[in-house]
Amino acid sequence: MKKNELINAVAIHADVERKVAKAVIEGTVDVILANVAKGEIVNISGFAKFFKKKRPARIGRNPATGEQIQIKAKTVAKITALKGFKDIALGVAPAPKLNSARKAPAPAKKPAKKKR
């Protein structure tokens, strides 16, 4: 599923305009990115945990030659799936039901006919 497909699906499921769904999804992603960039952990209960982790310098081995090499310290982005997400993805728990179609607008009422 691509971003536009996600926006359309959320708009249908939440019964909101596509513009509103797009603003909410993009805003959510922006908030997650900004907070992780600051070094904070963003934990969405039952879904995922987003954070950055500092890895220390270490000694590794070149698998082709067996030679020891120095690996520099670095910071990496991490996303960890949480239990609720894993349970649904692996079929342990049932997936949530989604609205698959927009509700049709109610037809306009015809004015009552006047008797003469």
C-alpha atoms as a PDB file:
ATOM      1  CA  MET A   1       0.000   0.000   0.000  1.00  0.00           C
ATOM      2  CA  LYS A   2       1.398   3.355  -1.019  1.00  0.00           C
ATOM      3  CA  LYS A   3       0.835   6.675   0.728  1.00  0.00           C
ATOM      4  CA  ASN A   4      -2.037   7.781  -1.541  1.00  0.00           C
ATOM      5  CA  GLU A   5      -3.761   4.436  -1.099  1.00  0.00           C
ATOM      6  CA  LEU A   6      -3.378   4.773   2.678  1.00  0.00           C
ATOM      7  CA  ILE A   7      -4.850   8.282   2.586  1.00  0.00           C
ATOM      8  CA  ASN A   8      -7.840   7.066   0.558  1.00  0.00           C
ATOM      9  CA  ALA A   9      -8.391   4.070   2.854  1.00  0.00           C
ATOM     10  CA  VAL A  10      -8.253   6.226   5.998  1.00  0.00           C
ATOM     11  CA  ALA A  11     -10.632   8.770   4.467  1.00  0.00           C
ATOM     12  CA  ILE A  12     -13.146   6.021   3.680  1.00  0.00           C
ATOM     13  CA  HIS A  13     -12.729   4.227   7.007  1.00  0.00           C
ATOM     14  CA  ALA A  14     -13.007   7.384   9.118  1.00  0.00           C
ATOM     15  CA  ASP A  15     -15.703   8.844   6.850  1.00  0.00           C
ATOM     16  CA  VAL A  16     -13.820  12.133   6.408  1.00  0.00           C
ATOM     17  CA  GLU A  17     -12.739  14.178   3.430  1.00  0.00           C
ATOM     18  CA  ARG A  18      -9.575  13.040   1.651  1.00  0.00           C
ATOM     19  CA  LYS A  19      -7.923  16.407   2.448  1.00  0.00           C
ATOM     20  CA  VAL A  20      -8.512  15.885   6.172  1.00  0.00           C
ATOM     21  CA  ALA A  21      -7.126  12.332   6.093  1.00  0.00           C
ATOM     22  CA  LYS A  22      -4.059  13.519   4.153  1.00  0.00           C
ATOM     23  CA  ALA A  23      -3.402  16.343   6.632  1.00  0.00           C
ATOM     24  CA  VAL A  24      -3.728  13.987   9.615  1.00  0.00           C
ATOM     25  CA  ILE A  25      -1.440  11.302   8.159  1.00  0.00           C
ATOM     26  CA  GLU A  26       1.216  13.782   7.024  1.00  0.00           C
ATOM     27  CA  GLY A  27       1.000  15.597  10.366  1.00  0.00           C
ATOM     28  CA  THR A  28       1.430  12.339  12.267  1.00  0.00           C
ATOM     29  CA  VAL A  29       4.507  11.401  10.242  1.00  0.00           C
ATOM     30  CA  ASP A  30       5.981  14.900  10.711  1.00  0.00           C
ATOM     31  CA  VAL A  31       5.499  14.760  14.489  1.00  0.00           C
ATOM     32  CA  ILE A  32       7.088  11.303  14.704  1.00  0.00           C
ATOM     33  CA  LEU A  33      10.077  12.379  12.589  1.00  0.00           C
ATOM     34  CA  ALA A  34      10.615  15.625  14.512  1.00  0.00           C
ATOM     35  CA  ASN A  35      10.539  13.911  17.900  1.00  0.00           C
ATOM     36  CA  VAL A  36      12.814  11.043  16.866  1.00  0.00           C
ATOM     37  CA  ALA A  37      15.262  13.565  15.377  1.00  0.00           C
ATOM     38  CA  LYS A  38      15.383  15.277  18.808  1.00  0.00           C
ATOM     39  CA  GLY A  39      16.285  11.926  20.378  1.00  0.00           C
ATOM     40  CA  GLU A  40      12.902  11.154  21.917  1.00  0.00           C
ATOM     41  CA  ILE A  41      11.219   7.759  21.774  1.00  0.00           C
ATOM     42  CA  VAL A  42       7.803   7.762  20.081  1.00  0.00           C
ATOM     43  CA  ASN A  43       5.710   4.827  21.282  1.00  0.00           C
ATOM     44  CA  ILE A  44       2.318   4.205  19.651  1.00  0.00           C
ATOM     45  CA  SER A  45       0.725   1.607  21.946  1.00  0.00           C
ATOM     46  CA  GLY A  46      -0.094  -1.661  20.207  1.00  0.00           C
ATOM     47  CA  PHE A  47       1.616  -0.562  16.982  1.00  0.00           C
ATOM     48  CA  ALA A  48       5.290   0.424  16.974  1.00  0.00           C
ATOM     49  CA  LYS A  49       8.102   2.210  18.780  1.00  0.00           C
ATOM     50  CA  PHE A  50      10.281   4.690  16.852  1.00  0.00           C
ATOM     51  CA  PHE A  51      13.671   5.816  18.193  1.00  0.00           C
ATOM     52  CA  LYS A  52      17.289   6.473  17.324  1.00  0.00           C
ATOM     53  CA  LYS A  53      20.059   4.476  18.901  1.00  0.00           C
ATOM     54  CA  LYS A  54      23.767   5.215  19.240  1.00  0.00           C
ATOM     55  CA  ARG A  55      26.044   2.305  18.410  1.00  0.00           C
ATOM     56  CA  PRO A  56      29.554   2.405  19.914  1.00  0.00           C
ATOM     57  CA  ALA A  57      32.746   1.858  17.938  1.00  0.00           C
ATOM     58  CA  ARG A  58      33.782  -1.795  17.784  1.00  0.00           C
ATOM     59  CA  ILE A  59      36.119  -4.237  16.160  1.00  0.00           C
ATOM     60  CA  GLY A  60      34.759  -6.417  13.373  1.00  0.00           C
ATOM     61  CA  ARG A  61      36.138  -8.946  10.916  1.00  0.00           C
ATOM     62  CA  ASN A  62      36.326  -8.841   7.141  1.00  0.00           C
ATOM     63  CA  PRO A  63      34.530 -12.090   6.191  1.00  0.00           C
ATOM     64  CA  ALA A  64      36.629 -12.569   3.038  1.00  0.00           C
ATOM     65  CA  THR A  65      40.084 -12.224   4.614  1.00  0.00           C
ATOM     66  CA  GLY A  66      39.422 -12.644   8.347  1.00  0.00           C
ATOM     67  CA  GLU A  67      41.292  -9.376   8.954  1.00  0.00           C
ATOM     68  CA  GLN A  68      40.202  -7.297  11.946  1.00  0.00           C
ATOM     69  CA  ILE A  69      38.780  -3.876  11.103  1.00  0.00           C
ATOM     70  CA  GLN A  70      37.685  -0.938  13.209  1.00  0.00           C
ATOM     71  CA  ILE A  71      33.983  -0.052  12.806  1.00  0.00           C
ATOM     72  CA  LYS A  72      33.157   3.584  13.631  1.00  0.00           C
ATOM     73  CA  ALA A  73      30.483   4.651  16.103  1.00  0.00           C
ATOM     74  CA  LYS A  74      27.222   5.696  14.480  1.00  0.00           C
ATOM     75  CA  THR A  75      23.599   6.532  15.143  1.00  0.00           C
ATOM     76  CA  VAL A  76      20.873   4.399  13.553  1.00  0.00           C
ATOM     77  CA  ALA A  77      17.104   4.741  13.230  1.00  0.00           C
ATOM     78  CA  LYS A  78      15.090   1.893  14.750  1.00  0.00           C
ATOM     79  CA  ILE A  79      11.456   0.874  14.435  1.00  0.00           C
ATOM     80  CA  THR A  80      10.222  -1.940  16.649  1.00  0.00           C
ATOM     81  CA  ALA A  81       6.865  -3.619  16.081  1.00  0.00           C
ATOM     82  CA  LEU A  82       4.949  -3.985  19.346  1.00  0.00           C
ATOM     83  CA  LYS A  83       2.932  -6.963  20.568  1.00  0.00           C
ATOM     84  CA  GLY A  84      -0.468  -5.773  19.311  1.00  0.00           C
ATOM     85  CA  PHE A  85       0.879  -5.283  15.790  1.00  0.00           C
ATOM     86  CA  LYS A  86       2.718  -8.617  15.804  1.00  0.00           C
ATOM     87  CA  ASP A  87      -0.358 -10.504  17.035  1.00  0.00           C
ATOM     88  CA  ILE A  88      -2.518  -9.134  14.208  1.00  0.00           C
ATOM     89  CA  ALA A  89       0.180  -9.496  11.533  1.00  0.00           C
ATOM     90  CA  LEU A  90       0.869 -13.119  12.514  1.00  0.00           C
ATOM     91  CA  GLY A  91      -2.817 -14.064  12.749  1.00  0.00           C
ATOM     92  CA  VAL A  92      -2.927 -14.572  16.523  1.00  0.00           C
ATOM     93  CA  ALA A  93      -5.563 -11.854  16.902  1.00  0.00           C
ATOM     94  CA  PRO A  94      -8.223 -10.847  14.368  1.00  0.00           C
ATOM     95  CA  ALA A  95      -7.567  -7.798  12.202  1.00  0.00           C
ATOM     96  CA  PRO A  96      -9.816  -4.772  12.718  1.00  0.00           C
ATOM     97  CA  LYS A  97     -12.791  -4.457  10.380  1.00  0.00           C
ATOM     98  CA  LEU A  98     -12.538  -1.618   7.876  1.00  0.00           C
ATOM     99  CA  ASN A  99     -15.263   0.400   6.210  1.00  0.00           C
ATOM    100  CA  SER A 100     -14.858  -0.501   2.550  1.00  0.00           C
ATOM    101  CA  ALA A 101     -17.178   2.030   0.918  1.00  0.00           C
ATOM    102  CA  ARG A 102     -18.378   5.521   1.584  1.00  0.00           C
ATOM    103  CA  LYS A 103     -21.953   5.881   2.673  1.00  0.00           C
ATOM    104  CA  ALA A 104     -24.159   7.336  -0.034  1.00  0.00           C
ATOM    105  CA  PRO A 105     -25.592  10.746   0.862  1.00  0.00           C
ATOM    106  CA  ALA A 106     -29.241  10.642   1.859  1.00  0.00           C
ATOM    107  CA  PRO A 107     -31.530  11.601  -1.013  1.00  0.00           C
ATOM    108  CA  ALA A 108     -33.109  15.040  -0.760  1.00  0.00           C
ATOM    109  CA  LYS A 109     -36.737  15.015   0.394  1.00  0.00           C
ATOM    110  CA  LYS A 110     -39.277  16.128  -2.137  1.00  0.00           C
ATOM    111  CA  PRO A 111     -41.509  18.954  -1.000  1.00  0.00           C
ATOM    112  CA  ALA A 112     -45.039  17.893  -0.135  1.00  0.00           C
ATOM    113  CA  LYS A 113     -47.626  18.550  -2.837  1.00  0.00           C
ATOM    114  CA  LYS A 114     -50.189  21.188  -2.047  1.00  0.00           C
ATOM    115  CA  LYS A 115     -53.857  20.303  -2.377  1.00  0.00           C
ATOM    116  CA  ARG A 116     -56.039  22.773  -4.277  1.00  0.00           C
END
